[in-house]
């Protein structure tokens, strides 16, 4: 079983090397290479003004039901074949 002994020795040596290099090579708090504000800008939270205007545009009271139905069916193309229909 020398292969298990080999992997045990090499694995533990690499693990010790990993922890030692992490302790020796890490940046201190004053000299960070990564700017943490990138995470803050990546998270998007909609502003209240944007939400209000979107809601007002989406649900207008002056639109009749016929116009809503016409807008829904306007996305369908006439004579469009069904995608899952098999040729017989």
PDB file of N, CA and C in Angstrom:
ATOM      1  N   UNK A   1       0.793  -1.178   0.000  1.00  0.00           N
ATOM      2  CA  UNK A   1       0.000   0.000   0.000  1.00  0.00           C
ATOM      3  C   UNK A   1       0.855   1.272   0.000  1.00  0.00           C
ATOM      4  N   UNK A   2       1.924   1.288  -0.760  1.00  0.00           N
ATOM      5  CA  UNK A   2       2.766   2.495  -0.749  1.00  0.00           C
ATOM      6  C   UNK A   2       2.087   3.694  -1.430  1.00  0.00           C
ATOM      7  N   UNK A   3       1.090   3.434  -2.286  1.00  0.00           N
ATOM      8  CA  UNK A   3       0.445   4.548  -2.978  1.00  0.00           C
ATOM      9  C   UNK A   3      -0.388   5.390  -2.011  1.00  0.00           C
ATOM     10  N   UNK A   4      -1.038   4.743  -1.030  1.00  0.00           N
ATOM     11  CA  UNK A   4      -1.804   5.492  -0.038  1.00  0.00           C
ATOM     12  C   UNK A   4      -0.883   6.320   0.838  1.00  0.00           C
ATOM     13  N   UNK A   5       0.264   5.762   1.190  1.00  0.00           N
ATOM     14  CA  UNK A   5       1.245   6.495   1.996  1.00  0.00           C
ATOM     15  C   UNK A   5       1.767   7.698   1.203  1.00  0.00           C
ATOM     16  N   UNK A   6       1.992   7.510  -0.100  1.00  0.00           N
ATOM     17  CA  UNK A   6       2.479   8.582  -0.954  1.00  0.00           C
ATOM     18  C   UNK A   6       1.450   9.719  -1.014  1.00  0.00           C
ATOM     19  N   UNK A   7       0.166   9.382  -1.263  1.00  0.00           N
ATOM     20  CA  UNK A   7      -0.862  10.415  -1.340  1.00  0.00           C
ATOM     21  C   UNK A   7      -1.077  11.098   0.005  1.00  0.00           C
ATOM     22  N   UNK A   8      -0.923  10.389   1.098  1.00  0.00           N
ATOM     23  CA  UNK A   8      -1.063  10.989   2.420  1.00  0.00           C
ATOM     24  C   UNK A   8       0.051  11.998   2.668  1.00  0.00           C
ATOM     25  N   UNK A   9       1.269  11.638   2.337  1.00  0.00           N
ATOM     26  CA  UNK A   9       2.407  12.532   2.555  1.00  0.00           C
ATOM     27  C   UNK A   9       2.321  13.739   1.625  1.00  0.00           C
ATOM     28  N   UNK A  10       2.068  13.501   0.355  1.00  0.00           N
ATOM     29  CA  UNK A  10       2.006  14.606  -0.605  1.00  0.00           C
ATOM     30  C   UNK A  10       0.802  15.497  -0.325  1.00  0.00           C
ATOM     31  N   UNK A  11      -0.333  14.913  -0.010  1.00  0.00           N
ATOM     32  CA  UNK A  11      -1.524  15.705   0.281  1.00  0.00           C
ATOM     33  C   UNK A  11      -1.348  16.575   1.509  1.00  0.00           C
ATOM     34  N   UNK A  12      -0.794  16.019   2.558  1.00  0.00           N
ATOM     35  CA  UNK A  12      -0.587  16.825   3.770  1.00  0.00           C
ATOM     36  C   UNK A  12       0.469  17.900   3.538  1.00  0.00           C
ATOM     37  N   UNK A  13       1.501  17.602   2.742  1.00  0.00           N
ATOM     38  CA  UNK A  13       2.519  18.609   2.421  1.00  0.00           C
ATOM     39  C   UNK A  13       1.912  19.758   1.617  1.00  0.00           C
ATOM     40  N   UNK A  14       1.090  19.445   0.643  1.00  0.00           N
ATOM     41  CA  UNK A  14       0.441  20.490  -0.143  1.00  0.00           C
ATOM     42  C   UNK A  14      -0.524  21.311   0.703  1.00  0.00           C
ATOM     43  N   UNK A  15      -1.217  20.673   1.614  1.00  0.00           N
ATOM     44  CA  UNK A  15      -2.142  21.387   2.491  1.00  0.00           C
ATOM     45  C   UNK A  15      -1.386  22.356   3.405  1.00  0.00           C
ATOM     46  N   UNK A  16      -0.262  21.911   3.965  1.00  0.00           N
ATOM     47  CA  UNK A  16       0.558  22.791   4.801  1.00  0.00           C
ATOM     48  C   UNK A  16       1.111  23.945   3.963  1.00  0.00           C
ATOM     49  N   UNK A  17       1.552  23.656   2.734  1.00  0.00           N
ATOM     50  CA  UNK A  17       2.061  24.698   1.849  1.00  0.00           C
ATOM     51  C   UNK A  17       0.964  25.706   1.502  1.00  0.00           C
ATOM     52  N   UNK A  18      -0.248  25.237   1.312  1.00  0.00           N
ATOM     53  CA  UNK A  18      -1.366  26.122   1.003  1.00  0.00           C
ATOM     54  C   UNK A  18      -1.649  27.081   2.155  1.00  0.00           C
ATOM     55  N   UNK A  19      -1.720  26.568   3.376  1.00  0.00           N
ATOM     56  CA  UNK A  19      -1.989  27.424   4.525  1.00  0.00           C
ATOM     57  C   UNK A  19      -0.831  28.385   4.792  1.00  0.00           C
ATOM     58  N   UNK A  20       0.395  27.916   4.615  1.00  0.00           N
ATOM     59  CA  UNK A  20       1.557  28.785   4.843  1.00  0.00           C
ATOM     60  C   UNK A  20       1.611  29.904   3.807  1.00  0.00           C
ATOM     61  N   UNK A  21       1.343  29.584   2.554  1.00  0.00           N
ATOM     62  CA  UNK A  21       1.366  30.618   1.526  1.00  0.00           C
ATOM     63  C   UNK A  21       0.208  31.601   1.701  1.00  0.00           C
ATOM     64  N   UNK A  22      -0.921  31.129   2.165  1.00  0.00           N
ATOM     65  CA  UNK A  22      -2.045  32.020   2.424  1.00  0.00           C
ATOM     66  C   UNK A  22      -1.716  32.984   3.558  1.00  0.00           C
ATOM     67  N   UNK A  23      -1.073  32.492   4.598  1.00  0.00           N
ATOM     68  CA  UNK A  23      -0.721  33.354   5.723  1.00  0.00           C
ATOM     69  C   UNK A  23       0.378  34.337   5.343  1.00  0.00           C
ATOM     70  N   UNK A  24       1.297  33.931   4.497  1.00  0.00           N
ATOM     71  CA  UNK A  24       2.438  34.776   4.157  1.00  0.00           C
ATOM     72  C   UNK A  24       2.124  35.753   3.018  1.00  0.00           C
ATOM     73  N   UNK A  25       1.317  35.356   2.059  1.00  0.00           N
ATOM     74  CA  UNK A  25       1.118  36.157   0.860  1.00  0.00           C
ATOM     75  C   UNK A  25      -0.171  36.977   0.826  1.00  0.00           C
ATOM     76  N   UNK A  26      -1.009  36.900   1.834  1.00  0.00           N
ATOM     77  CA  UNK A  26      -2.257  37.665   1.792  1.00  0.00           C
ATOM     78  C   UNK A  26      -1.981  39.137   2.028  1.00  0.00           C
ATOM     79  N   UNK A  27      -2.851  39.978   1.456  1.00  0.00           N
ATOM     80  CA  UNK A  27      -2.740  41.417   1.623  1.00  0.00           C
ATOM     81  C   UNK A  27      -3.368  41.819   2.947  1.00  0.00           C
ATOM     82  N   UNK A  28      -2.800  42.829   3.572  1.00  0.00           N
ATOM     83  CA  UNK A  28      -3.428  43.346   4.774  1.00  0.00           C
ATOM     84  C   UNK A  28      -4.583  44.261   4.374  1.00  0.00           C
ATOM     85  N   UNK A  29      -5.334  44.722   5.348  1.00  0.00           N
ATOM     86  CA  UNK A  29      -6.547  45.486   5.065  1.00  0.00           C
ATOM     87  C   UNK A  29      -6.255  46.802   4.352  1.00  0.00           C
ATOM     88  N   UNK A  30      -5.084  47.389   4.588  1.00  0.00           N
ATOM     89  CA  UNK A  30      -4.788  48.677   3.971  1.00  0.00           C
ATOM     90  C   UNK A  30      -4.301  48.541   2.535  1.00  0.00           C
ATOM     91  N   UNK A  31      -3.903  47.340   2.122  1.00  0.00           N
ATOM     92  CA  UNK A  31      -3.327  47.159   0.793  1.00  0.00           C
ATOM     93  C   UNK A  31      -4.103  46.082   0.023  1.00  0.00           C
ATOM     94  N   UNK A  32      -5.398  46.243  -0.098  1.00  0.00           N
ATOM     95  CA  UNK A  32      -6.198  45.267  -0.814  1.00  0.00           C
ATOM     96  C   UNK A  32      -6.130  45.523  -2.307  1.00  0.00           C
ATOM     97  N   UNK A  33      -6.006  44.459  -3.081  1.00  0.00           N
ATOM     98  CA  UNK A  33      -5.979  44.586  -4.534  1.00  0.00           C
ATOM     99  C   UNK A  33      -7.374  44.527  -5.134  1.00  0.00           C
ATOM    100  N   UNK A  34      -8.330  44.043  -4.378  1.00  0.00           N
ATOM    101  CA  UNK A  34      -9.697  43.915  -4.873  1.00  0.00           C
ATOM    102  C   UNK A  34     -10.568  44.967  -4.216  1.00  0.00           C
ATOM    103  N   UNK A  35     -11.334  45.670  -5.021  1.00  0.00           N
ATOM    104  CA  UNK A  35     -12.223  46.697  -4.516  1.00  0.00           C
ATOM    105  C   UNK A  35     -13.571  46.068  -4.179  1.00  0.00           C
ATOM    106  N   UNK A  36     -13.943  46.087  -2.924  1.00  0.00           N
ATOM    107  CA  UNK A  36     -15.186  45.460  -2.485  1.00  0.00           C
ATOM    108  C   UNK A  36     -16.433  46.204  -2.903  1.00  0.00           C
ATOM    109  N   UNK A  37     -16.303  47.433  -3.388  1.00  0.00           N
ATOM    110  CA  UNK A  37     -17.481  48.188  -3.800  1.00  0.00           C
ATOM    111  C   UNK A  37     -18.086  47.629  -5.090  1.00  0.00           C
ATOM    112  N   UNK A  38     -17.355  46.754  -5.775  1.00  0.00           N
ATOM    113  CA  UNK A  38     -17.910  46.135  -6.980  1.00  0.00           C
ATOM    114  C   UNK A  38     -19.116  45.268  -6.654  1.00  0.00           C
ATOM    115  N   UNK A  39     -19.089  44.619  -5.504  1.00  0.00           N
ATOM    116  CA  UNK A  39     -20.241  43.817  -5.108  1.00  0.00           C
ATOM    117  C   UNK A  39     -21.446  44.695  -4.842  1.00  0.00           C
ATOM    118  N   UNK A  40     -21.234  45.851  -4.265  1.00  0.00           N
ATOM    119  CA  UNK A  40     -22.339  46.756  -3.976  1.00  0.00           C
ATOM    120  C   UNK A  40     -22.996  47.283  -5.233  1.00  0.00           C
ATOM    121  N   UNK A  41     -22.201  47.527  -6.273  1.00  0.00           N
ATOM    122  CA  UNK A  41     -22.782  48.041  -7.503  1.00  0.00           C
ATOM    123  C   UNK A  41     -23.424  46.931  -8.329  1.00  0.00           C
ATOM    124  N   UNK A  42     -23.080  45.682  -8.071  1.00  0.00           N
ATOM    125  CA  UNK A  42     -23.647  44.578  -8.840  1.00  0.00           C
ATOM    126  C   UNK A  42     -25.060  44.240  -8.374  1.00  0.00           C
ATOM    127  N   UNK A  43     -25.369  44.509  -7.138  1.00  0.00           N
ATOM    128  CA  UNK A  43     -26.705  44.236  -6.630  1.00  0.00           C
ATOM    129  C   UNK A  43     -27.624  45.381  -7.037  1.00  0.00           C
ATOM    130  N   UNK A  44     -28.703  45.046  -7.687  1.00  0.00           N
ATOM    131  CA  UNK A  44     -29.618  46.064  -8.188  1.00  0.00           C
ATOM    132  C   UNK A  44     -30.885  46.068  -7.358  1.00  0.00           C
ATOM    133  N   UNK A  45     -31.150  47.204  -6.805  1.00  0.00           N
ATOM    134  CA  UNK A  45     -32.412  47.386  -6.104  1.00  0.00           C
ATOM    135  C   UNK A  45     -33.128  48.546  -6.779  1.00  0.00           C
ATOM    136  N   UNK A  46     -34.300  48.322  -7.331  1.00  0.00           N
ATOM    137  CA  UNK A  46     -34.981  49.407  -8.050  1.00  0.00           C
ATOM    138  C   UNK A  46     -35.363  50.541  -7.106  1.00  0.00           C
ATOM    139  N   UNK A  47     -35.249  51.729  -7.613  1.00  0.00           N
ATOM    140  CA  UNK A  47     -35.602  52.902  -6.823  1.00  0.00           C
ATOM    141  C   UNK A  47     -37.123  53.032  -6.780  1.00  0.00           C
ATOM    142  N   UNK A  48     -37.608  53.721  -5.774  1.00  0.00           N
ATOM    143  CA  UNK A  48     -39.053  53.850  -5.578  1.00  0.00           C
ATOM    144  C   UNK A  48     -39.679  54.625  -6.735  1.00  0.00           C
ATOM    145  N   UNK A  49     -38.981  55.658  -7.244  1.00  0.00           N
ATOM    146  CA  UNK A  49     -39.534  56.450  -8.340  1.00  0.00           C
ATOM    147  C   UNK A  49     -39.698  55.606  -9.597  1.00  0.00           C
ATOM    148  N   UNK A  50     -38.701  54.759  -9.881  1.00  0.00           N
ATOM    149  CA  UNK A  50     -38.782  53.896 -11.060  1.00  0.00           C
ATOM    150  C   UNK A  50     -39.922  52.903 -10.935  1.00  0.00           C
ATOM    151  N   UNK A  51     -40.124  52.387  -9.752  1.00  0.00           N
ATOM    152  CA  UNK A  51     -41.186  51.409  -9.536  1.00  0.00           C
ATOM    153  C   UNK A  51     -42.549  52.055  -9.712  1.00  0.00           C
ATOM    154  N   UNK A  52     -42.712  53.266  -9.203  1.00  0.00           N
ATOM    155  CA  UNK A  52     -43.983  53.945  -9.334  1.00  0.00           C
ATOM    156  C   UNK A  52     -44.316  54.255 -10.784  1.00  0.00           C
ATOM    157  N   UNK A  53     -43.349  54.725 -11.536  1.00  0.00           N
ATOM    158  CA  UNK A  53     -43.625  55.062 -12.939  1.00  0.00           C
ATOM    159  C   UNK A  53     -43.903  53.818 -13.754  1.00  0.00           C
ATOM    160  N   UNK A  54     -43.224  52.725 -13.457  1.00  0.00           N
ATOM    161  CA  UNK A  54     -43.483  51.478 -14.168  1.00  0.00           C
ATOM    162  C   UNK A  54     -44.890  50.971 -13.878  1.00  0.00           C
ATOM    163  N   UNK A  55     -45.295  51.061 -12.638  1.00  0.00           N
ATOM    164  CA  UNK A  55     -46.640  50.613 -12.283  1.00  0.00           C
ATOM    165  C   UNK A  55     -47.699  51.490 -12.942  1.00  0.00           C
ATOM    166  N   UNK A  56     -47.436  52.777 -13.033  1.00  0.00           N
ATOM    167  CA  UNK A  56     -48.403  53.657 -13.676  1.00  0.00           C
ATOM    168  C   UNK A  56     -48.506  53.378 -15.168  1.00  0.00           C
ATOM    169  N   UNK A  57     -47.404  53.065 -15.805  1.00  0.00           N
ATOM    170  CA  UNK A  57     -47.440  52.770 -17.223  1.00  0.00           C
ATOM    171  C   UNK A  57     -48.090  51.416 -17.494  1.00  0.00           C
ATOM    172  N   UNK A  58     -47.907  50.498 -16.602  1.00  0.00           N
ATOM    173  CA  UNK A  58     -48.401  49.148 -16.823  1.00  0.00           C
ATOM    174  C   UNK A  58     -49.911  49.057 -16.657  1.00  0.00           C
ATOM    175  N   UNK A  59     -50.460  49.739 -15.669  1.00  0.00           N
ATOM    176  CA  UNK A  59     -51.892  49.648 -15.387  1.00  0.00           C
ATOM    177  C   UNK A  59     -52.526  51.020 -15.540  1.00  0.00           C
ATOM    178  N   UNK A  60     -52.825  51.375 -16.739  1.00  0.00           N
ATOM    179  CA  UNK A  60     -53.503  52.653 -16.946  1.00  0.00           C
ATOM    180  C   UNK A  60     -55.006  52.431 -16.955  1.00  0.00           C
ATOM    181  N   UNK A  61     -55.722  53.379 -16.431  1.00  0.00           N
ATOM    182  CA  UNK A  61     -57.168  53.223 -16.306  1.00  0.00           C
ATOM    183  C   UNK A  61     -57.907  53.593 -17.585  1.00  0.00           C
ATOM    184  N   UNK A  62     -57.269  54.332 -18.483  1.00  0.00           N
ATOM    185  CA  UNK A  62     -57.978  54.765 -19.676  1.00  0.00           C
ATOM    186  C   UNK A  62     -57.910  53.755 -20.817  1.00  0.00           C
ATOM    187  N   UNK A  63     -57.251  52.618 -20.609  1.00  0.00           N
ATOM    188  CA  UNK A  63     -57.161  51.603 -21.657  1.00  0.00           C
ATOM    189  C   UNK A  63     -58.364  50.666 -21.527  1.00  0.00           C
ATOM    190  N   UNK A  64     -59.025  50.442 -22.631  1.00  0.00           N
ATOM    191  CA  UNK A  64     -60.210  49.581 -22.612  1.00  0.00           C
ATOM    192  C   UNK A  64     -59.784  48.115 -22.696  1.00  0.00           C
ATOM    193  N   UNK A  65     -60.646  47.195 -22.297  1.00  0.00           N
ATOM    194  CA  UNK A  65     -60.316  45.775 -22.410  1.00  0.00           C
ATOM    195  C   UNK A  65     -60.063  45.349 -23.853  1.00  0.00           C
ATOM    196  N   UNK A  66     -60.730  45.953 -24.804  1.00  0.00           N
ATOM    197  CA  UNK A  66     -60.515  45.585 -26.200  1.00  0.00           C
ATOM    198  C   UNK A  66     -59.094  45.926 -26.651  1.00  0.00           C
ATOM    199  N   UNK A  67     -58.583  47.046 -26.176  1.00  0.00           N
ATOM    200  CA  UNK A  67     -57.212  47.431 -26.528  1.00  0.00           C
ATOM    201  C   UNK A  67     -56.221  46.461 -25.887  1.00  0.00           C
ATOM    202  N   UNK A  68     -56.485  46.050 -24.653  1.00  0.00           N
ATOM    203  CA  UNK A  68     -55.599  45.087 -23.995  1.00  0.00           C
ATOM    204  C   UNK A  68     -55.562  43.761 -24.736  1.00  0.00           C
ATOM    205  N   UNK A  69     -56.730  43.287 -25.155  1.00  0.00           N
ATOM    206  CA  UNK A  69     -56.787  42.023 -25.899  1.00  0.00           C
ATOM    207  C   UNK A  69     -56.083  42.161 -27.235  1.00  0.00           C
ATOM    208  N   UNK A  70     -56.258  43.280 -27.914  1.00  0.00           N
ATOM    209  CA  UNK A  70     -55.608  43.515 -29.190  1.00  0.00           C
ATOM    210  C   UNK A  70     -54.087  43.521 -29.033  1.00  0.00           C
ATOM    211  N   UNK A  71     -53.576  44.131 -27.945  1.00  0.00           N
ATOM    212  CA  UNK A  71     -52.136  44.156 -27.708  1.00  0.00           C
ATOM    213  C   UNK A  71     -51.590  42.762 -27.416  1.00  0.00           C
ATOM    214  N   UNK A  72     -52.369  41.957 -26.705  1.00  0.00           N
ATOM    215  CA  UNK A  72     -51.913  40.602 -26.395  1.00  0.00           C
ATOM    216  C   UNK A  72     -51.834  39.759 -27.651  1.00  0.00           C
ATOM    217  N   UNK A  73     -52.847  39.826 -28.485  1.00  0.00           N
ATOM    218  CA  UNK A  73     -52.864  39.015 -29.688  1.00  0.00           C
ATOM    219  C   UNK A  73     -51.998  39.593 -30.802  1.00  0.00           C
ATOM    220  N   UNK A  74     -51.494  40.794 -30.642  1.00  0.00           N
ATOM    221  CA  UNK A  74     -50.619  41.382 -31.655  1.00  0.00           C
ATOM    222  C   UNK A  74     -49.265  40.702 -31.696  1.00  0.00           C
ATOM    223  N   UNK A  75     -48.882  40.008 -30.640  1.00  0.00           N
ATOM    224  CA  UNK A  75     -47.583  39.330 -30.629  1.00  0.00           C
ATOM    225  C   UNK A  75     -47.609  38.045 -31.446  1.00  0.00           C
ATOM    226  N   UNK A  76     -48.806  37.502 -31.717  1.00  0.00           N
ATOM    227  CA  UNK A  76     -48.899  36.276 -32.495  1.00  0.00           C
ATOM    228  C   UNK A  76     -48.903  36.599 -33.979  1.00  0.00           C
ATOM    229  N   UNK A  77     -48.181  35.798 -34.733  1.00  0.00           N
ATOM    230  CA  UNK A  77     -48.097  35.998 -36.170  1.00  0.00           C
ATOM    231  C   UNK A  77     -49.105  35.071 -36.835  1.00  0.00           C
ATOM    232  N   UNK A  78     -49.915  35.591 -37.772  1.00  0.00           N
ATOM    233  CA  UNK A  78     -50.848  34.698 -38.458  1.00  0.00           C
ATOM    234  C   UNK A  78     -50.089  33.689 -39.322  1.00  0.00           C
ATOM    235  N   UNK A  79     -50.647  32.552 -39.503  1.00  0.00           N
ATOM    236  CA  UNK A  79     -50.071  31.457 -40.290  1.00  0.00           C
ATOM    237  C   UNK A  79     -48.782  30.903 -39.684  1.00  0.00           C
ATOM    238  N   UNK A  80     -48.571  31.117 -38.430  1.00  0.00           N
ATOM    239  CA  UNK A  80     -47.389  30.556 -37.788  1.00  0.00           C
ATOM    240  C   UNK A  80     -47.680  29.108 -37.423  1.00  0.00           C
ATOM    241  N   UNK A  81     -46.811  28.210 -37.840  1.00  0.00           N
ATOM    242  CA  UNK A  81     -47.020  26.797 -37.530  1.00  0.00           C
ATOM    243  C   UNK A  81     -46.733  26.536 -36.069  1.00  0.00           C
ATOM    244  N   UNK A  82     -47.375  25.550 -35.565  1.00  0.00           N
ATOM    245  CA  UNK A  82     -47.088  25.161 -34.190  1.00  0.00           C
ATOM    246  C   UNK A  82     -45.704  24.550 -34.129  1.00  0.00           C
ATOM    247  N   UNK A  83     -44.993  24.852 -33.109  1.00  0.00           N
ATOM    248  CA  UNK A  83     -43.608  24.398 -33.008  1.00  0.00           C
ATOM    249  C   UNK A  83     -43.503  22.912 -32.731  1.00  0.00           C
ATOM    250  N   UNK A  84     -44.425  22.376 -31.987  1.00  0.00           N
ATOM    251  CA  UNK A  84     -44.336  20.978 -31.584  1.00  0.00           C
ATOM    252  C   UNK A  84     -45.235  20.071 -32.422  1.00  0.00           C
ATOM    253  N   UNK A  85     -45.739  20.566 -33.500  1.00  0.00           N
ATOM    254  CA  UNK A  85     -46.620  19.769 -34.333  1.00  0.00           C
ATOM    255  C   UNK A  85     -45.781  18.877 -35.249  1.00  0.00           C
ATOM    256  N   UNK A  86     -46.096  17.612 -35.268  1.00  0.00           N
ATOM    257  CA  UNK A  86     -45.368  16.672 -36.116  1.00  0.00           C
ATOM    258  C   UNK A  86     -45.946  16.669 -37.524  1.00  0.00           C
ATOM    259  N   UNK A  87     -45.090  16.467 -38.494  1.00  0.00           N
ATOM    260  CA  UNK A  87     -45.561  16.329 -39.865  1.00  0.00           C
ATOM    261  C   UNK A  87     -46.097  14.929 -40.065  1.00  0.00           C
ATOM    262  N   UNK A  88     -47.321  14.809 -40.515  1.00  0.00           N
ATOM    263  CA  UNK A  88     -47.933  13.499 -40.689  1.00  0.00           C
ATOM    264  C   UNK A  88     -47.760  12.999 -42.105  1.00  0.00           C
TER     265      UNK A  88
END
